[in-house]
Amino acid sequence: MNIEKLAKFYSSHRGGFNGAFIGFSIAVAILMIGFFKTLFIAICVGLGYYIGNRISQDKDYLRNLLDRVLPPGTYR
């Protein structure tokens, strides 16, 4: 199978392919390390994605977050 056909197949079935890959990855993780460890990893990844996305949208997000959590001026 050449690269063009493979790229065309992927572009027309992107959602199903990505969903199957994510499902397979989660199943392997649960089988290898257990449900709760996999759940913890998923929560950490989701939280990291959320914070990283917010930082890329607003450069002062981390500074404002630290001002809310810590007393002002302690991290500078």
PDB file of N, CA and C in Angstrom:
ATOM      1  N   MET A   1       0.851  -1.172   0.000  1.00  0.00           N
ATOM      2  CA  MET A   1       0.000   0.000   0.000  1.00  0.00           C
ATOM      3  C   MET A   1       0.897   1.236   0.000  1.00  0.00           C
ATOM      4  N   ASN A   2       0.677   2.135  -0.923  1.00  0.00           N
ATOM      5  CA  ASN A   2       1.534   3.310  -0.992  1.00  0.00           C
ATOM      6  C   ASN A   2       1.067   4.404  -0.043  1.00  0.00           C
ATOM      7  N   ILE A   3       1.886   5.400   0.115  1.00  0.00           N
ATOM      8  CA  ILE A   3       1.663   6.463   1.093  1.00  0.00           C
ATOM      9  C   ILE A   3       0.416   7.285   0.761  1.00  0.00           C
ATOM     10  N   GLU A   4       0.159   7.563  -0.520  1.00  0.00           N
ATOM     11  CA  GLU A   4      -0.995   8.374  -0.894  1.00  0.00           C
ATOM     12  C   GLU A   4      -2.304   7.692  -0.514  1.00  0.00           C
ATOM     13  N   LYS A   5      -2.401   6.383  -0.770  1.00  0.00           N
ATOM     14  CA  LYS A   5      -3.614   5.648  -0.417  1.00  0.00           C
ATOM     15  C   LYS A   5      -3.799   5.601   1.097  1.00  0.00           C
ATOM     16  N   LEU A   6      -2.709   5.425   1.812  1.00  0.00           N
ATOM     17  CA  LEU A   6      -2.776   5.375   3.267  1.00  0.00           C
ATOM     18  C   LEU A   6      -3.198   6.732   3.833  1.00  0.00           C
ATOM     19  N   ALA A   7      -2.657   7.811   3.283  1.00  0.00           N
ATOM     20  CA  ALA A   7      -3.027   9.154   3.732  1.00  0.00           C
ATOM     21  C   ALA A   7      -4.487   9.454   3.409  1.00  0.00           C
ATOM     22  N   LYS A   8      -4.964   9.031   2.248  1.00  0.00           N
ATOM     23  CA  LYS A   8      -6.355   9.239   1.869  1.00  0.00           C
ATOM     24  C   LYS A   8      -7.290   8.440   2.779  1.00  0.00           C
ATOM     25  N   PHE A   9      -6.914   7.205   3.089  1.00  0.00           N
ATOM     26  CA  PHE A   9      -7.716   6.381   3.991  1.00  0.00           C
ATOM     27  C   PHE A   9      -7.784   7.015   5.373  1.00  0.00           C
ATOM     28  N   TYR A  10      -6.643   7.482   5.871  1.00  0.00           N
ATOM     29  CA  TYR A  10      -6.616   8.107   7.198  1.00  0.00           C
ATOM     30  C   TYR A  10      -7.444   9.382   7.222  1.00  0.00           C
ATOM     31  N   SER A  11      -7.333  10.205   6.193  1.00  0.00           N
ATOM     32  CA  SER A  11      -8.072  11.473   6.197  1.00  0.00           C
ATOM     33  C   SER A  11      -9.571  11.251   6.102  1.00  0.00           C
ATOM     34  N   SER A  12     -10.009  10.172   5.465  1.00  0.00           N
ATOM     35  CA  SER A  12     -11.446   9.929   5.364  1.00  0.00           C
ATOM     36  C   SER A  12     -11.997   9.174   6.574  1.00  0.00           C
ATOM     37  N   HIS A  13     -11.138   8.546   7.373  1.00  0.00           N
ATOM     38  CA  HIS A  13     -11.565   7.795   8.562  1.00  0.00           C
ATOM     39  C   HIS A  13     -10.818   8.255   9.809  1.00  0.00           C
ATOM     40  N   ARG A  14     -10.514   9.523   9.901  1.00  0.00           N
ATOM     41  CA  ARG A  14      -9.683  10.061  10.971  1.00  0.00           C
ATOM     42  C   ARG A  14     -10.294   9.837  12.354  1.00  0.00           C
ATOM     43  N   GLY A  15     -11.561  10.147  12.528  1.00  0.00           N
ATOM     44  CA  GLY A  15     -12.196  10.016  13.833  1.00  0.00           C
ATOM     45  C   GLY A  15     -12.217   8.587  14.335  1.00  0.00           C
ATOM     46  N   GLY A  16     -12.574   7.661  13.474  1.00  0.00           N
ATOM     47  CA  GLY A  16     -12.611   6.255  13.867  1.00  0.00           C
ATOM     48  C   GLY A  16     -11.230   5.708  14.175  1.00  0.00           C
ATOM     49  N   PHE A  17     -10.253   6.092  13.374  1.00  0.00           N
ATOM     50  CA  PHE A  17      -8.893   5.625  13.590  1.00  0.00           C
ATOM     51  C   PHE A  17      -8.340   6.160  14.902  1.00  0.00           C
ATOM     52  N   ASN A  18      -8.513   7.452  15.157  1.00  0.00           N
ATOM     53  CA  ASN A  18      -8.017   8.041  16.398  1.00  0.00           C
ATOM     54  C   ASN A  18      -8.738   7.460  17.611  1.00  0.00           C
ATOM     55  N   GLY A  19     -10.050   7.263  17.509  1.00  0.00           N
ATOM     56  CA  GLY A  19     -10.806   6.673  18.600  1.00  0.00           C
ATOM     57  C   GLY A  19     -10.360   5.253  18.901  1.00  0.00           C
ATOM     58  N   ALA A  20     -10.121   4.464  17.860  1.00  0.00           N
ATOM     59  CA  ALA A  20      -9.652   3.104  18.061  1.00  0.00           C
ATOM     60  C   ALA A  20      -8.265   3.084  18.692  1.00  0.00           C
ATOM     61  N   PHE A  21      -7.397   3.991  18.279  1.00  0.00           N
ATOM     62  CA  PHE A  21      -6.053   4.056  18.853  1.00  0.00           C
ATOM     63  C   PHE A  21      -6.097   4.455  20.320  1.00  0.00           C
ATOM     64  N   ILE A  22      -6.918   5.430  20.657  1.00  0.00           N
ATOM     65  CA  ILE A  22      -7.045   5.857  22.052  1.00  0.00           C
ATOM     66  C   ILE A  22      -7.639   4.735  22.897  1.00  0.00           C
ATOM     67  N   GLY A  23      -8.671   4.074  22.386  1.00  0.00           N
ATOM     68  CA  GLY A  23      -9.269   2.952  23.108  1.00  0.00           C
ATOM     69  C   GLY A  23      -8.297   1.818  23.327  1.00  0.00           C
ATOM     70  N   PHE A  24      -7.512   1.501  22.309  1.00  0.00           N
ATOM     71  CA  PHE A  24      -6.513   0.453  22.433  1.00  0.00           C
ATOM     72  C   PHE A  24      -5.446   0.830  23.456  1.00  0.00           C
ATOM     73  N   SER A  25      -5.014   2.084  23.428  1.00  0.00           N
ATOM     74  CA  SER A  25      -4.000   2.543  24.378  1.00  0.00           C
ATOM     75  C   SER A  25      -4.512   2.471  25.818  1.00  0.00           C
ATOM     76  N   ILE A  26      -5.752   2.871  26.035  1.00  0.00           N
ATOM     77  CA  ILE A  26      -6.332   2.806  27.380  1.00  0.00           C
ATOM     78  C   ILE A  26      -6.469   1.363  27.837  1.00  0.00           C
ATOM     79  N   ALA A  27      -6.905   0.482  26.945  1.00  0.00           N
ATOM     80  CA  ALA A  27      -7.052  -0.932  27.301  1.00  0.00           C
ATOM     81  C   ALA A  27      -5.711  -1.552  27.686  1.00  0.00           C
ATOM     82  N   VAL A  28      -4.678  -1.250  26.931  1.00  0.00           N
ATOM     83  CA  VAL A  28      -3.344  -1.783  27.248  1.00  0.00           C
ATOM     84  C   VAL A  28      -2.860  -1.235  28.576  1.00  0.00           C
ATOM     85  N   ALA A  29      -3.087   0.051  28.820  1.00  0.00           N
ATOM     86  CA  ALA A  29      -2.657   0.652  30.090  1.00  0.00           C
ATOM     87  C   ALA A  29      -3.388   0.018  31.267  1.00  0.00           C
ATOM     88  N   ILE A  30      -4.681  -0.217  31.127  1.00  0.00           N
ATOM     89  CA  ILE A  30      -5.440  -0.837  32.217  1.00  0.00           C
ATOM     90  C   ILE A  30      -4.951  -2.256  32.473  1.00  0.00           C
ATOM     91  N   LEU A  31      -4.681  -2.987  31.427  1.00  0.00           N
ATOM     92  CA  LEU A  31      -4.203  -4.360  31.602  1.00  0.00           C
ATOM     93  C   LEU A  31      -2.811  -4.412  32.209  1.00  0.00           C
ATOM     94  N   MET A  32      -1.970  -3.445  31.870  1.00  0.00           N
ATOM     95  CA  MET A  32      -0.582  -3.494  32.341  1.00  0.00           C
ATOM     96  C   MET A  32      -0.395  -2.885  33.726  1.00  0.00           C
ATOM     97  N   ILE A  33      -1.069  -1.764  34.028  1.00  0.00           N
ATOM     98  CA  ILE A  33      -0.788  -1.096  35.304  1.00  0.00           C
ATOM     99  C   ILE A  33      -1.993  -0.992  36.220  1.00  0.00           C
ATOM    100  N   GLY A  34      -3.179  -1.330  35.767  1.00  0.00           N
ATOM    101  CA  GLY A  34      -4.357  -1.301  36.611  1.00  0.00           C
ATOM    102  C   GLY A  34      -5.244  -0.107  36.339  1.00  0.00           C
ATOM    103  N   PHE A  35      -6.483  -0.225  36.823  1.00  0.00           N
ATOM    104  CA  PHE A  35      -7.495   0.791  36.528  1.00  0.00           C
ATOM    105  C   PHE A  35      -7.196   2.121  37.203  1.00  0.00           C
ATOM    106  N   PHE A  36      -6.918   2.101  38.499  1.00  0.00           N
ATOM    107  CA  PHE A  36      -6.759   3.363  39.230  1.00  0.00           C
ATOM    108  C   PHE A  36      -5.482   4.104  38.844  1.00  0.00           C
ATOM    109  N   LYS A  37      -4.420   3.378  38.551  1.00  0.00           N
ATOM    110  CA  LYS A  37      -3.202   4.054  38.081  1.00  0.00           C
ATOM    111  C   LYS A  37      -3.438   4.674  36.709  1.00  0.00           C
ATOM    112  N   THR A  38      -4.173   3.973  35.858  1.00  0.00           N
ATOM    113  CA  THR A  38      -4.507   4.519  34.543  1.00  0.00           C
ATOM    114  C   THR A  38      -5.407   5.738  34.679  1.00  0.00           C
ATOM    115  N   LEU A  39      -6.357   5.685  35.605  1.00  0.00           N
ATOM    116  CA  LEU A  39      -7.235   6.822  35.847  1.00  0.00           C
ATOM    117  C   LEU A  39      -6.440   8.025  36.357  1.00  0.00           C
ATOM    118  N   PHE A  40      -5.491   7.791  37.259  1.00  0.00           N
ATOM    119  CA  PHE A  40      -4.638   8.859  37.761  1.00  0.00           C
ATOM    120  C   PHE A  40      -3.827   9.488  36.630  1.00  0.00           C
ATOM    121  N   ILE A  41      -3.267   8.672  35.754  1.00  0.00           N
ATOM    122  CA  ILE A  41      -2.491   9.184  34.622  1.00  0.00           C
ATOM    123  C   ILE A  41      -3.390  10.009  33.703  1.00  0.00           C
ATOM    124  N   ALA A  42      -4.607   9.528  33.444  1.00  0.00           N
ATOM    125  CA  ALA A  42      -5.532  10.257  32.579  1.00  0.00           C
ATOM    126  C   ALA A  42      -5.912  11.601  33.189  1.00  0.00           C
ATOM    127  N   ILE A  43      -6.122  11.643  34.505  1.00  0.00           N
ATOM    128  CA  ILE A  43      -6.449  12.910  35.164  1.00  0.00           C
ATOM    129  C   ILE A  43      -5.270  13.875  35.082  1.00  0.00           C
ATOM    130  N   CYS A  44      -4.057  13.379  35.309  1.00  0.00           N
ATOM    131  CA  CYS A  44      -2.872  14.238  35.215  1.00  0.00           C
ATOM    132  C   CYS A  44      -2.672  14.771  33.804  1.00  0.00           C
ATOM    133  N   VAL A  45      -2.886  13.928  32.806  1.00  0.00           N
ATOM    134  CA  VAL A  45      -2.742  14.370  31.416  1.00  0.00           C
ATOM    135  C   VAL A  45      -3.798  15.415  31.085  1.00  0.00           C
ATOM    136  N   GLY A  46      -5.035  15.187  31.509  1.00  0.00           N
ATOM    137  CA  GLY A  46      -6.100  16.151  31.258  1.00  0.00           C
ATOM    138  C   GLY A  46      -5.833  17.485  31.931  1.00  0.00           C
ATOM    139  N   LEU A  47      -5.379  17.444  33.173  1.00  0.00           N
ATOM    140  CA  LEU A  47      -5.052  18.669  33.899  1.00  0.00           C
ATOM    141  C   LEU A  47      -3.873  19.394  33.243  1.00  0.00           C
ATOM    142  N   GLY A  48      -2.864  18.647  32.827  1.00  0.00           N
ATOM    143  CA  GLY A  48      -1.726  19.247  32.140  1.00  0.00           C
ATOM    144  C   GLY A  48      -2.121  19.881  30.820  1.00  0.00           C
ATOM    145  N   TYR A  49      -3.009  19.215  30.092  1.00  0.00           N
ATOM    146  CA  TYR A  49      -3.496  19.779  28.838  1.00  0.00           C
ATOM    147  C   TYR A  49      -4.267  21.070  29.086  1.00  0.00           C
ATOM    148  N   TYR A  50      -5.126  21.057  30.091  1.00  0.00           N
ATOM    149  CA  TYR A  50      -5.934  22.238  30.403  1.00  0.00           C
ATOM    150  C   TYR A  50      -5.051  23.427  30.786  1.00  0.00           C
ATOM    151  N   ILE A  51      -4.102  23.200  31.677  1.00  0.00           N
ATOM    152  CA  ILE A  51      -3.220  24.292  32.117  1.00  0.00           C
ATOM    153  C   ILE A  51      -2.339  24.759  30.967  1.00  0.00           C
ATOM    154  N   GLY A  52      -1.798  23.841  30.196  1.00  0.00           N
ATOM    155  CA  GLY A  52      -0.973  24.224  29.056  1.00  0.00           C
ATOM    156  C   GLY A  52      -1.741  25.000  28.015  1.00  0.00           C
ATOM    157  N   ASN A  53      -2.982  24.611  27.780  1.00  0.00           N
ATOM    158  CA  ASN A  53      -3.818  25.328  26.823  1.00  0.00           C
ATOM    159  C   ASN A  53      -4.129  26.736  27.322  1.00  0.00           C
ATOM    160  N   ARG A  54      -4.416  26.868  28.608  1.00  0.00           N
ATOM    161  CA  ARG A  54      -4.695  28.180  29.179  1.00  0.00           C
ATOM    162  C   ARG A  54      -3.457  29.076  29.139  1.00  0.00           C
ATOM    163  N   ILE A  55      -2.283  28.507  29.398  1.00  0.00           N
ATOM    164  CA  ILE A  55      -1.049  29.301  29.352  1.00  0.00           C
ATOM    165  C   ILE A  55      -0.768  29.772  27.931  1.00  0.00           C
ATOM    166  N   SER A  56      -1.036  28.929  26.934  1.00  0.00           N
ATOM    167  CA  SER A  56      -0.779  29.346  25.557  1.00  0.00           C
ATOM    168  C   SER A  56      -1.762  30.426  25.105  1.00  0.00           C
ATOM    169  N   GLN A  57      -2.962  30.466  25.698  1.00  0.00           N
ATOM    170  CA  GLN A  57      -3.923  31.505  25.347  1.00  0.00           C
ATOM    171  C   GLN A  57      -3.662  32.805  26.108  1.00  0.00           C
ATOM    172  N   ASP A  58      -3.273  32.701  27.366  1.00  0.00           N
ATOM    173  CA  ASP A  58      -3.073  33.874  28.215  1.00  0.00           C
ATOM    174  C   ASP A  58      -1.718  33.724  28.904  1.00  0.00           C
ATOM    175  N   LYS A  59      -0.768  34.530  28.533  1.00  0.00           N
ATOM    176  CA  LYS A  59       0.595  34.397  29.056  1.00  0.00           C
ATOM    177  C   LYS A  59       0.684  34.668  30.558  1.00  0.00           C
ATOM    178  N   ASP A  60      -0.229  35.442  31.111  1.00  0.00           N
ATOM    179  CA  ASP A  60      -0.218  35.756  32.537  1.00  0.00           C
ATOM    180  C   ASP A  60      -1.073  34.801  33.359  1.00  0.00           C
ATOM    181  N   TYR A  61      -1.580  33.733  32.756  1.00  0.00           N
ATOM    182  CA  TYR A  61      -2.461  32.808  33.471  1.00  0.00           C
ATOM    183  C   TYR A  61      -1.745  32.158  34.660  1.00  0.00           C
ATOM    184  N   LEU A  62      -0.530  31.704  34.452  1.00  0.00           N
ATOM    185  CA  LEU A  62       0.203  31.030  35.527  1.00  0.00           C
ATOM    186  C   LEU A  62       0.496  32.001  36.667  1.00  0.00           C
ATOM    187  N   ARG A  63       0.871  33.220  36.350  1.00  0.00           N
ATOM    188  CA  ARG A  63       1.137  34.221  37.386  1.00  0.00           C
ATOM    189  C   ARG A  63      -0.137  34.527  38.167  1.00  0.00           C
ATOM    190  N   ASN A  64      -1.265  34.667  37.470  1.00  0.00           N
ATOM    191  CA  ASN A  64      -2.537  34.923  38.148  1.00  0.00           C
ATOM    192  C   ASN A  64      -2.974  33.727  38.985  1.00  0.00           C
ATOM    193  N   LEU A  65      -2.732  32.524  38.486  1.00  0.00           N
ATOM    194  CA  LEU A  65      -3.070  31.313  39.239  1.00  0.00           C
ATOM    195  C   LEU A  65      -2.246  31.229  40.517  1.00  0.00           C
ATOM    196  N   LEU A  66      -0.958  31.511  40.421  1.00  0.00           N
ATOM    197  CA  LEU A  66      -0.105  31.479  41.600  1.00  0.00           C
ATOM    198  C   LEU A  66      -0.473  32.588  42.588  1.00  0.00           C
ATOM    199  N   ASP A  67      -0.915  33.741  42.095  1.00  0.00           N
ATOM    200  CA  ASP A  67      -1.368  34.812  42.992  1.00  0.00           C
ATOM    201  C   ASP A  67      -2.616  34.400  43.766  1.00  0.00           C
ATOM    202  N   ARG A  68      -3.482  33.605  43.128  1.00  0.00           N
ATOM    203  CA  ARG A  68      -4.679  33.139  43.820  1.00  0.00           C
ATOM    204  C   ARG A  68      -4.369  32.048  44.829  1.00  0.00           C
ATOM    205  N   VAL A  69      -3.400  31.188  44.539  1.00  0.00           N
ATOM    206  CA  VAL A  69      -3.093  30.047  45.398  1.00  0.00           C
ATOM    207  C   VAL A  69      -2.134  30.427  46.513  1.00  0.00           C
ATOM    208  N   LEU A  70      -1.081  31.146  46.177  1.00  0.00           N
ATOM    209  CA  LEU A  70      -0.050  31.533  47.147  1.00  0.00           C
ATOM    210  C   LEU A  70      -0.261  32.974  47.585  1.00  0.00           C
ATOM    211  N   PRO A  71       0.324  33.364  48.693  1.00  0.00           N
ATOM    212  CA  PRO A  71       0.287  34.790  49.039  1.00  0.00           C
ATOM    213  C   PRO A  71       0.995  35.605  47.955  1.00  0.00           C
ATOM    214  N   PRO A  72       0.489  36.779  47.626  1.00  0.00           N
ATOM    215  CA  PRO A  72       1.066  37.560  46.526  1.00  0.00           C
ATOM    216  C   PRO A  72       2.539  37.861  46.741  1.00  0.00           C
ATOM    217  N   GLY A  73       3.325  37.694  45.683  1.00  0.00           N
ATOM    218  CA  GLY A  73       4.733  38.044  45.721  1.00  0.00           C
ATOM    219  C   GLY A  73       5.660  36.974  46.243  1.00  0.00           C
ATOM    220  N   THR A  74       5.172  35.798  46.628  1.00  0.00           N
ATOM    221  CA  THR A  74       6.062  34.786  47.219  1.00  0.00           C
ATOM    222  C   THR A  74       6.868  34.029  46.183  1.00  0.00           C
ATOM    223  N   TYR A  75       6.422  33.980  44.951  1.00  0.00           N
ATOM    224  CA  TYR A  75       7.130  33.210  43.933  1.00  0.00           C
ATOM    225  C   TYR A  75       8.080  34.061  43.111  1.00  0.00           C
ATOM    226  N   ARG A  76       8.174  35.343  43.354  1.00  0.00           N
ATOM    227  CA  ARG A  76       9.047  36.226  42.559  1.00  0.00           C
ATOM    228  C   ARG A  76      10.399  36.368  43.161  1.00  0.00           C
TER     229      ARG A  76
END
